Amino acid sequence: MTLVHHTNITLPAHRRPGGFDHAAVHRASARLYVAHTANDAIDVLDCATDCYLHTIPNLMGVAGALVSDERQVVFTSNRGENTVGIFAPDAEADLVKVAVGLGPNGLAYDPGRDRLVVANVGNPQIPHSCTVSIVDVAAHAMIASVPVPGRTRWAVFDPRQEVFFVNIADPAQIIVIDARHPQQIATAYAIPAAGPHGLDLDIVQARLWCACDDQTLVCLDACSGDVLDERALSGSPDVIFLNAALGHLYVAIGDPGVIEVFDTGTMQHLETIATEEGVHTIAFDAARNKVYAFLPHTHQAAVYIDQEAGAAPL
């Protein structure tokens, strides 16, 4: 086995139907921030001790969290109020909200320019409402809005090419926005599978990993967009995370409720770990080689250790 179950962490009960969404880890403090969408809040966990710490409330429809270790800042996408939240890990009370487009979801950050890209899912009743917002973080202001051809999903930043990648569900593609000229789409990579959803980047190998709704995992050359390989999945995926040190890719699949693990060098499927029905979001702690799966029915975080890392510090 690759992922070995370590423990479960009990999180606050849901205040309404729903569950969790995108999460991120702040390496210096070992804090994990997970969107508890059902509670309009971010739950904060300690990865060193694997315990629940506290909750950051009043983030309506929060869809995700993103951390910049370079700039020591945390971002949240608050879909229910069309804002993003910005705060330092040691100053949560100073959280600032910035208005963006309709339905903010995916987040990507350029620490060199201190700019945040916000992928907005839009409103199907409002034409042309699918956009990408460009936020000047220091100024706490949206400085550009880029129309996109369809509903957005997740986003990542490539510091080597200085570009943002944003998944578009339909038409199936990854759009590319040049960080030096973020007011428009620079190019787009066609995806040979319906519904690009989960997205991650291997910076060193220049590989994009895109998990698609039609149960396909696609690997692309990040520089050219050429499709390098494809693999079948056991269900429709959502969040994916790359463990670059071990060459493992973790894919969360809500139905039937599993994490599939792939070797990124060979594209070999290594194993399938049963979690809980509806578990579509995970988090990855690179410092400890831990994977956190967020269980919507029992409001817990199941913690797994990638045993190929050896004796990871707990």
C-alpha atoms as a PDB file:
ATOM      1  CA  MET A   1       0.000   0.000   0.000  1.00  0.00           C
ATOM      2  CA  THR A   2       1.006   3.612  -0.581  1.00  0.00           C
ATOM      3  CA  LEU A   3      -1.446   5.567   1.573  1.00  0.00           C
ATOM      4  CA  VAL A   4      -1.803   4.263   5.126  1.00  0.00           C
ATOM      5  CA  HIS A   5      -4.635   5.533   7.322  1.00  0.00           C
ATOM      6  CA  HIS A   6      -3.273   7.395  10.343  1.00  0.00           C
ATOM      7  CA  THR A   7      -6.202   9.015  12.163  1.00  0.00           C
ATOM      8  CA  ASN A   8      -9.465  10.929  11.791  1.00  0.00           C
ATOM      9  CA  ILE A   9     -10.023  14.515  12.924  1.00  0.00           C
ATOM     10  CA  THR A  10     -13.529  15.552  13.970  1.00  0.00           C
ATOM     11  CA  LEU A  11     -14.590  18.906  12.489  1.00  0.00           C
ATOM     12  CA  PRO A  12     -17.607  21.109  13.298  1.00  0.00           C
ATOM     13  CA  ALA A  13     -20.958  19.645  12.291  1.00  0.00           C
ATOM     14  CA  HIS A  14     -22.613  21.039   9.166  1.00  0.00           C
ATOM     15  CA  ARG A  15     -25.069  23.864   9.750  1.00  0.00           C
ATOM     16  CA  ARG A  16     -26.854  23.074   6.486  1.00  0.00           C
ATOM     17  CA  PRO A  17     -26.629  20.446   3.716  1.00  0.00           C
ATOM     18  CA  GLY A  18     -23.287  20.359   1.976  1.00  0.00           C
ATOM     19  CA  GLY A  19     -19.729  19.648   2.908  1.00  0.00           C
ATOM     20  CA  PHE A  20     -16.177  20.750   2.178  1.00  0.00           C
ATOM     21  CA  ASP A  21     -14.235  22.151  -0.757  1.00  0.00           C
ATOM     22  CA  HIS A  22     -10.673  23.100  -1.723  1.00  0.00           C
ATOM     23  CA  ALA A  23      -7.996  23.189   0.986  1.00  0.00           C
ATOM     24  CA  ALA A  24      -4.364  24.282   1.320  1.00  0.00           C
ATOM     25  CA  VAL A  25      -1.489  23.962   3.811  1.00  0.00           C
ATOM     26  CA  HIS A  26       0.741  26.720   5.187  1.00  0.00           C
ATOM     27  CA  ARG A  27       4.117  25.037   5.555  1.00  0.00           C
ATOM     28  CA  ALA A  28       5.715  27.310   8.208  1.00  0.00           C
ATOM     29  CA  SER A  29       2.869  26.992  10.717  1.00  0.00           C
ATOM     30  CA  ALA A  30       1.731  23.475   9.679  1.00  0.00           C
ATOM     31  CA  ARG A  31      -1.802  24.851   9.452  1.00  0.00           C
ATOM     32  CA  LEU A  32      -4.309  23.443   7.017  1.00  0.00           C
ATOM     33  CA  TYR A  33      -7.153  25.678   5.793  1.00  0.00           C
ATOM     34  CA  VAL A  34     -10.202  23.879   4.377  1.00  0.00           C
ATOM     35  CA  ALA A  35     -13.358  25.416   2.948  1.00  0.00           C
ATOM     36  CA  HIS A  36     -16.276  24.221   5.066  1.00  0.00           C
ATOM     37  CA  THR A  37     -18.844  25.338   2.528  1.00  0.00           C
ATOM     38  CA  ALA A  38     -21.824  24.052   4.511  1.00  0.00           C
ATOM     39  CA  ASN A  39     -20.852  26.413   7.330  1.00  0.00           C
ATOM     40  CA  ASP A  40     -19.708  29.464   5.302  1.00  0.00           C
ATOM     41  CA  ALA A  41     -16.378  29.106   7.055  1.00  0.00           C
ATOM     42  CA  ILE A  42     -12.755  28.003   6.859  1.00  0.00           C
ATOM     43  CA  ASP A  43     -11.797  25.279   9.342  1.00  0.00           C
ATOM     44  CA  VAL A  44      -8.184  25.415  10.534  1.00  0.00           C
ATOM     45  CA  LEU A  45      -6.290  22.208  11.396  1.00  0.00           C
ATOM     46  CA  ASP A  46      -2.826  21.550  12.804  1.00  0.00           C
ATOM     47  CA  CYS A  47      -0.949  19.110  10.545  1.00  0.00           C
ATOM     48  CA  ALA A  48       1.803  18.505  13.125  1.00  0.00           C
ATOM     49  CA  THR A  49      -0.610  17.170  15.756  1.00  0.00           C
ATOM     50  CA  ASP A  50      -3.567  16.367  13.478  1.00  0.00           C
ATOM     51  CA  CYS A  51      -6.134  18.241  15.498  1.00  0.00           C
ATOM     52  CA  TYR A  52      -8.833  20.826  14.813  1.00  0.00           C
ATOM     53  CA  LEU A  53      -7.851  24.317  15.968  1.00  0.00           C
ATOM     54  CA  HIS A  54     -10.635  26.788  15.192  1.00  0.00           C
ATOM     55  CA  THR A  55     -12.899  28.234  12.514  1.00  0.00           C
ATOM     56  CA  ILE A  56     -12.808  31.449  10.487  1.00  0.00           C
ATOM     57  CA  PRO A  57     -16.497  32.397   9.994  1.00  0.00           C
ATOM     58  CA  ASN A  58     -18.552  34.686   7.739  1.00  0.00           C
ATOM     59  CA  LEU A  59     -17.227  33.556   4.345  1.00  0.00           C
ATOM     60  CA  MET A  60     -20.442  33.048   2.399  1.00  0.00           C
ATOM     61  CA  GLY A  61     -20.381  29.984   0.146  1.00  0.00           C
ATOM     62  CA  VAL A  62     -16.622  29.593   0.562  1.00  0.00           C
ATOM     63  CA  ALA A  63     -15.356  27.359  -2.234  1.00  0.00           C
ATOM     64  CA  GLY A  64     -11.656  27.107  -1.573  1.00  0.00           C
ATOM     65  CA  ALA A  65      -8.443  28.195   0.085  1.00  0.00           C
ATOM     66  CA  LEU A  66      -5.011  28.902  -1.364  1.00  0.00           C
ATOM     67  CA  VAL A  67      -1.776  29.551   0.547  1.00  0.00           C
ATOM     68  CA  SER A  68       1.374  31.359  -0.557  1.00  0.00           C
ATOM     69  CA  ASP A  69       4.363  30.272   1.515  1.00  0.00           C
ATOM     70  CA  GLU A  70       6.522  32.840  -0.302  1.00  0.00           C
ATOM     71  CA  ARG A  71       4.362  35.782   0.761  1.00  0.00           C
ATOM     72  CA  GLN A  72       2.856  34.304   3.957  1.00  0.00           C
ATOM     73  CA  VAL A  73      -0.717  34.948   2.852  1.00  0.00           C
ATOM     74  CA  VAL A  74      -3.939  32.947   2.641  1.00  0.00           C
ATOM     75  CA  PHE A  75      -6.717  33.483   0.101  1.00  0.00           C
ATOM     76  CA  THR A  76     -10.325  32.285   0.125  1.00  0.00           C
ATOM     77  CA  SER A  77     -12.863  32.254  -2.717  1.00  0.00           C
ATOM     78  CA  ASN A  78     -16.265  33.201  -1.344  1.00  0.00           C
ATOM     79  CA  ARG A  79     -18.726  32.157  -4.032  1.00  0.00           C
ATOM     80  CA  GLY A  80     -21.826  33.195  -2.105  1.00  0.00           C
ATOM     81  CA  GLU A  81     -20.787  36.846  -1.914  1.00  0.00           C
ATOM     82  CA  ASN A  82     -18.579  37.263  -5.010  1.00  0.00           C
ATOM     83  CA  THR A  83     -15.482  38.150  -3.006  1.00  0.00           C
ATOM     84  CA  VAL A  84     -12.063  36.787  -2.165  1.00  0.00           C
ATOM     85  CA  GLY A  85     -10.671  36.877   1.351  1.00  0.00           C
ATOM     86  CA  ILE A  86      -7.049  37.843   2.059  1.00  0.00           C
ATOM     87  CA  PHE A  87      -5.250  37.433   5.389  1.00  0.00           C
ATOM     88  CA  ALA A  88      -1.901  36.510   6.931  1.00  0.00           C
ATOM     89  CA  PRO A  89      -1.715  33.195   8.811  1.00  0.00           C
ATOM     90  CA  ASP A  90      -0.828  35.024  12.032  1.00  0.00           C
ATOM     91  CA  ALA A  91      -3.453  37.753  11.555  1.00  0.00           C
ATOM     92  CA  GLU A  92      -6.757  36.090  10.702  1.00  0.00           C
ATOM     93  CA  ALA A  93      -8.740  38.871  12.379  1.00  0.00           C
ATOM     94  CA  ASP A  94      -7.416  41.308   9.776  1.00  0.00           C
ATOM     95  CA  LEU A  95      -9.044  39.433   6.890  1.00  0.00           C
ATOM     96  CA  VAL A  96      -9.896  41.747   3.995  1.00  0.00           C
ATOM     97  CA  LYS A  97     -12.498  41.014   1.313  1.00  0.00           C
ATOM     98  CA  VAL A  98     -12.147  42.139  -2.302  1.00  0.00           C
ATOM     99  CA  ALA A  99     -15.044  42.128  -4.767  1.00  0.00           C
ATOM    100  CA  VAL A 100     -14.461  40.008  -7.895  1.00  0.00           C
ATOM    101  CA  GLY A 101     -16.579  38.385 -10.614  1.00  0.00           C
ATOM    102  CA  LEU A 102     -19.632  36.144 -10.230  1.00  0.00           C
ATOM    103  CA  GLY A 103     -19.063  32.885  -8.382  1.00  0.00           C
ATOM    104  CA  PRO A 104     -15.353  32.910  -7.513  1.00  0.00           C
ATOM    105  CA  ASN A 105     -13.955  29.380  -7.271  1.00  0.00           C
ATOM    106  CA  GLY A 106     -10.449  28.514  -8.482  1.00  0.00           C
ATOM    107  CA  LEU A 107      -7.457  30.509  -7.246  1.00  0.00           C
ATOM    108  CA  ALA A 108      -3.858  30.910  -8.446  1.00  0.00           C
ATOM    109  CA  TYR A 109      -1.218  33.354  -7.216  1.00  0.00           C
ATOM    110  CA  ASP A 110       1.868  35.012  -8.676  1.00  0.00           C
ATOM    111  CA  PRO A 111       4.003  35.906  -5.621  1.00  0.00           C
ATOM    112  CA  GLY A 112       6.523  37.916  -7.643  1.00  0.00           C
ATOM    113  CA  ARG A 113       3.908  40.364  -8.888  1.00  0.00           C
ATOM    114  CA  ASP A 114       1.610  39.913  -5.870  1.00  0.00           C
ATOM    115  CA  ARG A 115      -1.339  39.177  -8.150  1.00  0.00           C
ATOM    116  CA  LEU A 116      -4.152  36.725  -7.625  1.00  0.00           C
ATOM    117  CA  VAL A 117      -6.105  35.078 -10.434  1.00  0.00           C
ATOM    118  CA  VAL A 118      -9.691  34.209  -9.542  1.00  0.00           C
ATOM    119  CA  ALA A 119     -11.595  31.781 -11.773  1.00  0.00           C
ATOM    120  CA  ASN A 120     -15.282  32.718 -11.612  1.00  0.00           C
ATOM    121  CA  VAL A 121     -17.910  30.088 -12.493  1.00  0.00           C
ATOM    122  CA  GLY A 122     -20.432  32.791 -13.423  1.00  0.00           C
ATOM    123  CA  ASN A 123     -24.218  32.523 -13.447  1.00  0.00           C
ATOM    124  CA  PRO A 124     -25.866  30.440 -16.212  1.00  0.00           C
ATOM    125  CA  GLN A 125     -28.745  32.947 -16.250  1.00  0.00           C
ATOM    126  CA  ILE A 126     -26.372  35.819 -17.023  1.00  0.00           C
ATOM    127  CA  PRO A 127     -24.674  35.734 -20.443  1.00  0.00           C
ATOM    128  CA  HIS A 128     -20.893  36.157 -20.556  1.00  0.00           C
ATOM    129  CA  SER A 129     -20.578  35.980 -16.754  1.00  0.00           C
ATOM    130  CA  CYS A 130     -17.805  33.363 -16.816  1.00  0.00           C
ATOM    131  CA  THR A 131     -14.660  35.409 -16.219  1.00  0.00           C
ATOM    132  CA  VAL A 132     -11.239  35.451 -14.638  1.00  0.00           C
ATOM    133  CA  SER A 133     -10.580  38.312 -12.214  1.00  0.00           C
ATOM    134  CA  ILE A 134      -7.077  39.724 -11.737  1.00  0.00           C
ATOM    135  CA  VAL A 135      -6.544  41.084  -8.209  1.00  0.00           C
ATOM    136  CA  ASP A 136      -3.740  43.388  -7.079  1.00  0.00           C
ATOM    137  CA  VAL A 137      -3.272  41.932  -3.606  1.00  0.00           C
ATOM    138  CA  ALA A 138      -1.361  44.851  -2.091  1.00  0.00           C
ATOM    139  CA  ALA A 139      -3.972  47.317  -3.327  1.00  0.00           C
ATOM    140  CA  HIS A 140      -6.893  45.056  -2.346  1.00  0.00           C
ATOM    141  CA  ALA A 141      -8.467  45.735  -5.726  1.00  0.00           C
ATOM    142  CA  MET A 142      -9.563  43.912  -8.869  1.00  0.00           C
ATOM    143  CA  ILE A 143      -7.582  45.440 -11.736  1.00  0.00           C
ATOM    144  CA  ALA A 144      -8.867  43.406 -14.700  1.00  0.00           C
ATOM    145  CA  SER A 145     -11.669  41.072 -15.762  1.00  0.00           C
ATOM    146  CA  VAL A 146     -10.965  38.575 -18.547  1.00  0.00           C
ATOM    147  CA  PRO A 147     -13.918  36.955 -20.372  1.00  0.00           C
ATOM    148  CA  VAL A 148     -13.493  33.193 -20.804  1.00  0.00           C
ATOM    149  CA  PRO A 149     -15.314  30.782 -23.130  1.00  0.00           C
ATOM    150  CA  GLY A 150     -17.084  28.697 -20.477  1.00  0.00           C
ATOM    151  CA  ARG A 151     -17.470  27.676 -16.844  1.00  0.00           C
ATOM    152  CA  THR A 152     -14.172  27.747 -14.988  1.00  0.00           C
ATOM    153  CA  ARG A 153     -12.836  25.086 -12.637  1.00  0.00           C
ATOM    154  CA  TRP A 154      -9.457  25.166 -10.846  1.00  0.00           C
ATOM    155  CA  ALA A 155      -6.336  27.210 -11.631  1.00  0.00           C
ATOM    156  CA  VAL A 156      -2.556  27.051 -11.062  1.00  0.00           C
ATOM    157  CA  PHE A 157       0.434  29.370 -11.577  1.00  0.00           C
ATOM    158  CA  ASP A 158       3.625  28.326 -13.373  1.00  0.00           C
ATOM    159  CA  PRO A 159       6.538  30.439 -12.039  1.00  0.00           C
ATOM    160  CA  ARG A 160       8.963  29.219 -14.711  1.00  0.00           C
ATOM    161  CA  GLN A 161       6.817  30.238 -17.680  1.00  0.00           C
ATOM    162  CA  GLU A 162       5.150  33.063 -15.743  1.00  0.00           C
ATOM    163  CA  VAL A 163       1.667  31.994 -16.801  1.00  0.00           C
ATOM    164  CA  PHE A 164      -1.612  31.023 -15.183  1.00  0.00           C
ATOM    165  CA  PHE A 165      -3.488  27.898 -16.257  1.00  0.00           C
ATOM    166  CA  VAL A 166      -7.282  27.796 -15.791  1.00  0.00           C
ATOM    167  CA  ASN A 167      -9.501  24.782 -16.509  1.00  0.00           C
ATOM    168  CA  ILE A 168     -12.627  25.414 -18.605  1.00  0.00           C
ATOM    169  CA  ALA A 169     -15.354  22.761 -18.335  1.00  0.00           C
ATOM    170  CA  ASP A 170     -16.967  23.375 -21.736  1.00  0.00           C
ATOM    171  CA  PRO A 171     -15.421  23.793 -24.236  1.00  0.00           C
ATOM    172  CA  ALA A 172     -12.919  21.350 -22.766  1.00  0.00           C
ATOM    173  CA  GLN A 173      -9.680  23.302 -22.576  1.00  0.00           C
ATOM    174  CA  ILE A 174      -7.066  24.894 -20.362  1.00  0.00           C
ATOM    175  CA  ILE A 175      -6.701  28.593 -21.017  1.00  0.00           C
ATOM    176  CA  VAL A 176      -3.305  30.237 -20.534  1.00  0.00           C
ATOM    177  CA  ILE A 177      -2.947  33.793 -19.191  1.00  0.00           C
ATOM    178  CA  ASP A 178       0.457  35.463 -19.371  1.00  0.00           C
ATOM    179  CA  ALA A 179       1.236  36.990 -15.960  1.00  0.00           C
ATOM    180  CA  ARG A 180       3.044  39.860 -17.708  1.00  0.00           C
ATOM    181  CA  HIS A 181      -0.060  40.693 -19.769  1.00  0.00           C
ATOM    182  CA  PRO A 182      -2.997  39.353 -17.725  1.00  0.00           C
ATOM    183  CA  GLN A 183      -5.751  41.361 -19.403  1.00  0.00           C
ATOM    184  CA  GLN A 184      -6.387  38.669 -22.023  1.00  0.00           C
ATOM    185  CA  ILE A 185      -6.072  34.982 -22.850  1.00  0.00           C
ATOM    186  CA  ALA A 186      -2.687  34.227 -24.413  1.00  0.00           C
ATOM    187  CA  THR A 187      -3.587  30.776 -25.765  1.00  0.00           C
ATOM    188  CA  ALA A 188      -5.606  27.658 -24.965  1.00  0.00           C
ATOM    189  CA  TYR A 189      -4.801  23.954 -24.754  1.00  0.00           C
ATOM    190  CA  ALA A 190      -7.464  21.594 -26.099  1.00  0.00           C
ATOM    191  CA  ILE A 191      -8.330  18.731 -23.735  1.00  0.00           C
ATOM    192  CA  PRO A 192      -9.403  15.418 -25.330  1.00  0.00           C
ATOM    193  CA  ALA A 193     -11.883  14.613 -22.548  1.00  0.00           C
ATOM    194  CA  ALA A 194     -15.096  16.230 -21.362  1.00  0.00           C
ATOM    195  CA  GLY A 195     -15.172  18.462 -18.299  1.00  0.00           C
ATOM    196  CA  PRO A 196     -11.658  19.432 -17.174  1.00  0.00           C
ATOM    197  CA  HIS A 197     -11.931  19.704 -13.391  1.00  0.00           C
ATOM    198  CA  GLY A 198      -8.974  18.986 -11.079  1.00  0.00           C
ATOM    199  CA  LEU A 199      -5.662  20.602 -12.050  1.00  0.00           C
ATOM    200  CA  ASP A 200      -2.085  20.491 -10.801  1.00  0.00           C
ATOM    201  CA  LEU A 201       1.372  21.264 -12.161  1.00  0.00           C
ATOM    202  CA  ASP A 202       4.759  19.557 -11.976  1.00  0.00           C
ATOM    203  CA  ILE A 203       6.968  22.628 -12.310  1.00  0.00           C
ATOM    204  CA  VAL A 204      10.263  20.766 -12.695  1.00  0.00           C
ATOM    205  CA  GLN A 205       9.019  18.288 -15.295  1.00  0.00           C
ATOM    206  CA  ALA A 206       6.764  20.872 -17.012  1.00  0.00           C
ATOM    207  CA  ARG A 207       3.745  18.582 -16.830  1.00  0.00           C
ATOM    208  CA  LEU A 208       0.112  19.534 -16.336  1.00  0.00           C
ATOM    209  CA  TRP A 209      -2.237  17.037 -14.750  1.00  0.00           C
ATOM    210  CA  CYS A 210      -5.916  17.489 -15.608  1.00  0.00           C
ATOM    211  CA  ALA A 211      -8.655  15.239 -14.179  1.00  0.00           C
ATOM    212  CA  CYS A 212     -11.840  15.328 -16.248  1.00  0.00           C
ATOM    213  CA  ASP A 213     -15.506  14.668 -15.512  1.00  0.00           C
ATOM    214  CA  ASP A 214     -15.718  11.874 -18.091  1.00  0.00           C
ATOM    215  CA  GLN A 215     -13.456   9.768 -15.847  1.00  0.00           C
ATOM    216  CA  THR A 216     -10.192  10.534 -17.623  1.00  0.00           C
ATOM    217  CA  LEU A 217      -6.835  11.685 -16.264  1.00  0.00           C
ATOM    218  CA  VAL A 218      -4.866  13.646 -18.862  1.00  0.00           C
ATOM    219  CA  CYS A 219      -1.160  14.536 -18.760  1.00  0.00           C
ATOM    220  CA  LEU A 220       0.008  17.457 -20.914  1.00  0.00           C
ATOM    221  CA  ASP A 221       3.254  19.203 -21.733  1.00  0.00           C
ATOM    222  CA  ALA A 222       2.896  22.480 -19.819  1.00  0.00           C
ATOM    223  CA  CYS A 223       4.879  24.426 -22.421  1.00  0.00           C
ATOM    224  CA  SER A 224       3.159  23.266 -25.599  1.00  0.00           C
ATOM    225  CA  GLY A 225      -0.154  21.813 -24.462  1.00  0.00           C
ATOM    226  CA  ASP A 226       0.617  18.538 -26.252  1.00  0.00           C
ATOM    227  CA  VAL A 227      -1.209  15.566 -24.719  1.00  0.00           C
ATOM    228  CA  LEU A 228       1.378  13.107 -23.426  1.00  0.00           C
ATOM    229  CA  ASP A 229      -0.801  10.407 -21.904  1.00  0.00           C
ATOM    230  CA  GLU A 230      -4.271   9.499 -20.644  1.00  0.00           C
ATOM    231  CA  ARG A 231      -5.615   7.088 -18.030  1.00  0.00           C
ATOM    232  CA  ALA A 232      -9.099   5.932 -17.085  1.00  0.00           C
ATOM    233  CA  LEU A 233     -10.473   6.759 -13.641  1.00  0.00           C
ATOM    234  CA  SER A 234     -13.102   4.857 -11.642  1.00  0.00           C
ATOM    235  CA  GLY A 235     -15.436   7.849 -11.451  1.00  0.00           C
ATOM    236  CA  SER A 236     -15.756  11.580 -12.026  1.00  0.00           C
ATOM    237  CA  PRO A 237     -12.871  13.325 -10.227  1.00  0.00           C
ATOM    238  CA  ASP A 238     -12.578  16.654  -8.489  1.00  0.00           C
ATOM    239  CA  VAL A 239      -9.511  17.779  -6.516  1.00  0.00           C
ATOM    240  CA  ILE A 240      -6.066  16.419  -7.404  1.00  0.00           C
ATOM    241  CA  PHE A 241      -2.694  16.964  -5.732  1.00  0.00           C
ATOM    242  CA  LEU A 242       0.812  16.204  -6.907  1.00  0.00           C
ATOM    243  CA  ASN A 243       3.424  14.819  -4.529  1.00  0.00           C
ATOM    244  CA  ALA A 244       6.422  15.876  -6.602  1.00  0.00           C
ATOM    245  CA  ALA A 245       8.996  14.398  -4.200  1.00  0.00           C
ATOM    246  CA  LEU A 246       7.581  10.880  -4.521  1.00  0.00           C
ATOM    247  CA  GLY A 247       6.148  11.187  -8.024  1.00  0.00           C
ATOM    248  CA  HIS A 248       2.638  10.392  -6.842  1.00  0.00           C
ATOM    249  CA  LEU A 249      -0.619  11.992  -7.963  1.00  0.00           C
ATOM    250  CA  TYR A 250      -3.655  11.784  -5.673  1.00  0.00           C
ATOM    251  CA  VAL A 251      -7.097  11.986  -7.323  1.00  0.00           C
ATOM    252  CA  ALA A 252     -10.266  12.459  -5.238  1.00  0.00           C
ATOM    253  CA  ILE A 253     -13.397  10.813  -6.654  1.00  0.00           C
ATOM    254  CA  GLY A 254     -16.657  11.509  -4.824  1.00  0.00           C
ATOM    255  CA  ASP A 255     -18.618   8.621  -6.309  1.00  0.00           C
ATOM    256  CA  PRO A 256     -17.904   5.955  -5.110  1.00  0.00           C
ATOM    257  CA  GLY A 257     -15.732   7.827  -2.588  1.00  0.00           C
ATOM    258  CA  VAL A 258     -12.087   6.936  -3.198  1.00  0.00           C
ATOM    259  CA  ILE A 259      -8.605   8.351  -3.672  1.00  0.00           C
ATOM    260  CA  GLU A 260      -6.781   6.944  -6.690  1.00  0.00           C
ATOM    261  CA  VAL A 261      -2.971   7.106  -6.638  1.00  0.00           C
ATOM    262  CA  PHE A 262      -0.865   7.240  -9.818  1.00  0.00           C
ATOM    263  CA  ASP A 263       2.864   7.097 -10.472  1.00  0.00           C
ATOM    264  CA  THR A 264       3.578  10.280 -12.431  1.00  0.00           C
ATOM    265  CA  GLY A 265       6.633   8.827 -14.148  1.00  0.00           C
ATOM    266  CA  THR A 266       4.985   5.725 -15.588  1.00  0.00           C
ATOM    267  CA  MET A 267       1.293   6.748 -15.356  1.00  0.00           C
ATOM    268  CA  GLN A 268       0.782   3.425 -13.583  1.00  0.00           C
ATOM    269  CA  HIS A 269      -2.224   3.197 -11.278  1.00  0.00           C
ATOM    270  CA  LEU A 270      -0.784   2.292  -7.875  1.00  0.00           C
ATOM    271  CA  GLU A 271      -3.827   1.843  -5.668  1.00  0.00           C
ATOM    272  CA  THR A 272      -7.362   2.895  -4.788  1.00  0.00           C
ATOM    273  CA  ILE A 273      -8.162   3.941  -1.219  1.00  0.00           C
ATOM    274  CA  ALA A 274     -11.782   3.867  -0.045  1.00  0.00           C
ATOM    275  CA  THR A 275     -12.793   7.029   1.824  1.00  0.00           C
ATOM    276  CA  GLU A 276     -16.502   7.898   2.109  1.00  0.00           C
ATOM    277  CA  GLU A 277     -19.266   8.547  -0.406  1.00  0.00           C
ATOM    278  CA  GLY A 278     -19.111  12.182  -1.519  1.00  0.00           C
ATOM    279  CA  VAL A 279     -15.444  12.755  -0.671  1.00  0.00           C
ATOM    280  CA  HIS A 280     -14.490  14.974  -3.608  1.00  0.00           C
ATOM    281  CA  THR A 281     -11.859  17.148  -1.958  1.00  0.00           C
ATOM    282  CA  ILE A 282      -8.483  16.414  -0.393  1.00  0.00           C
ATOM    283  CA  ALA A 283      -5.437  18.319   0.857  1.00  0.00           C
ATOM    284  CA  PHE A 284      -1.726  17.497   0.746  1.00  0.00           C
ATOM    285  CA  ASP A 285       0.903  18.339   3.371  1.00  0.00           C
ATOM    286  CA  ALA A 286       4.197  18.107   1.487  1.00  0.00           C
ATOM    287  CA  ALA A 287       6.344  18.497   4.605  1.00  0.00           C
ATOM    288  CA  ARG A 288       4.892  15.347   6.184  1.00  0.00           C
ATOM    289  CA  ASN A 289       3.682  13.443   3.109  1.00  0.00           C
ATOM    290  CA  LYS A 290       0.144  13.417   4.478  1.00  0.00           C
ATOM    291  CA  VAL A 291      -3.093  13.384   2.522  1.00  0.00           C
ATOM    292  CA  TYR A 292      -6.292  14.674   4.141  1.00  0.00           C
ATOM    293  CA  ALA A 293      -9.670  13.495   2.825  1.00  0.00           C
ATOM    294  CA  PHE A 294     -12.695  15.516   3.952  1.00  0.00           C
ATOM    295  CA  LEU A 295     -15.684  13.316   4.835  1.00  0.00           C
ATOM    296  CA  PRO A 296     -18.980  15.153   4.266  1.00  0.00           C
ATOM    297  CA  HIS A 297     -21.330  12.690   6.014  1.00  0.00           C
ATOM    298  CA  THR A 298     -19.355  12.389   9.243  1.00  0.00           C
ATOM    299  CA  HIS A 299     -17.741  15.888   9.115  1.00  0.00           C
ATOM    300  CA  GLN A 300     -14.246  14.537   9.646  1.00  0.00           C
ATOM    301  CA  ALA A 301     -10.858  14.712   8.014  1.00  0.00           C
ATOM    302  CA  ALA A 302      -9.337  11.271   7.389  1.00  0.00           C
ATOM    303  CA  VAL A 303      -5.534  11.479   7.524  1.00  0.00           C
ATOM    304  CA  TYR A 304      -3.292   9.215   5.439  1.00  0.00           C
ATOM    305  CA  ILE A 305       0.499   8.974   5.302  1.00  0.00           C
ATOM    306  CA  ASP A 306       2.290   8.076   2.106  1.00  0.00           C
ATOM    307  CA  GLN A 307       4.444   5.272   3.514  1.00  0.00           C
ATOM    308  CA  GLU A 308       6.974   5.477   0.697  1.00  0.00           C
ATOM    309  CA  ALA A 309       8.213   8.601   2.420  1.00  0.00           C
ATOM    310  CA  GLY A 310       9.613   6.481   5.243  1.00  0.00           C
ATOM    311  CA  ALA A 311       9.256   7.693   8.811  1.00  0.00           C
ATOM    312  CA  ALA A 312       7.525  11.011   8.285  1.00  0.00           C
ATOM    313  CA  PRO A 313       7.494  13.317  11.308  1.00  0.00           C
ATOM    314  CA  LEU A 314       4.060  13.384  12.948  1.00  0.00           C
END
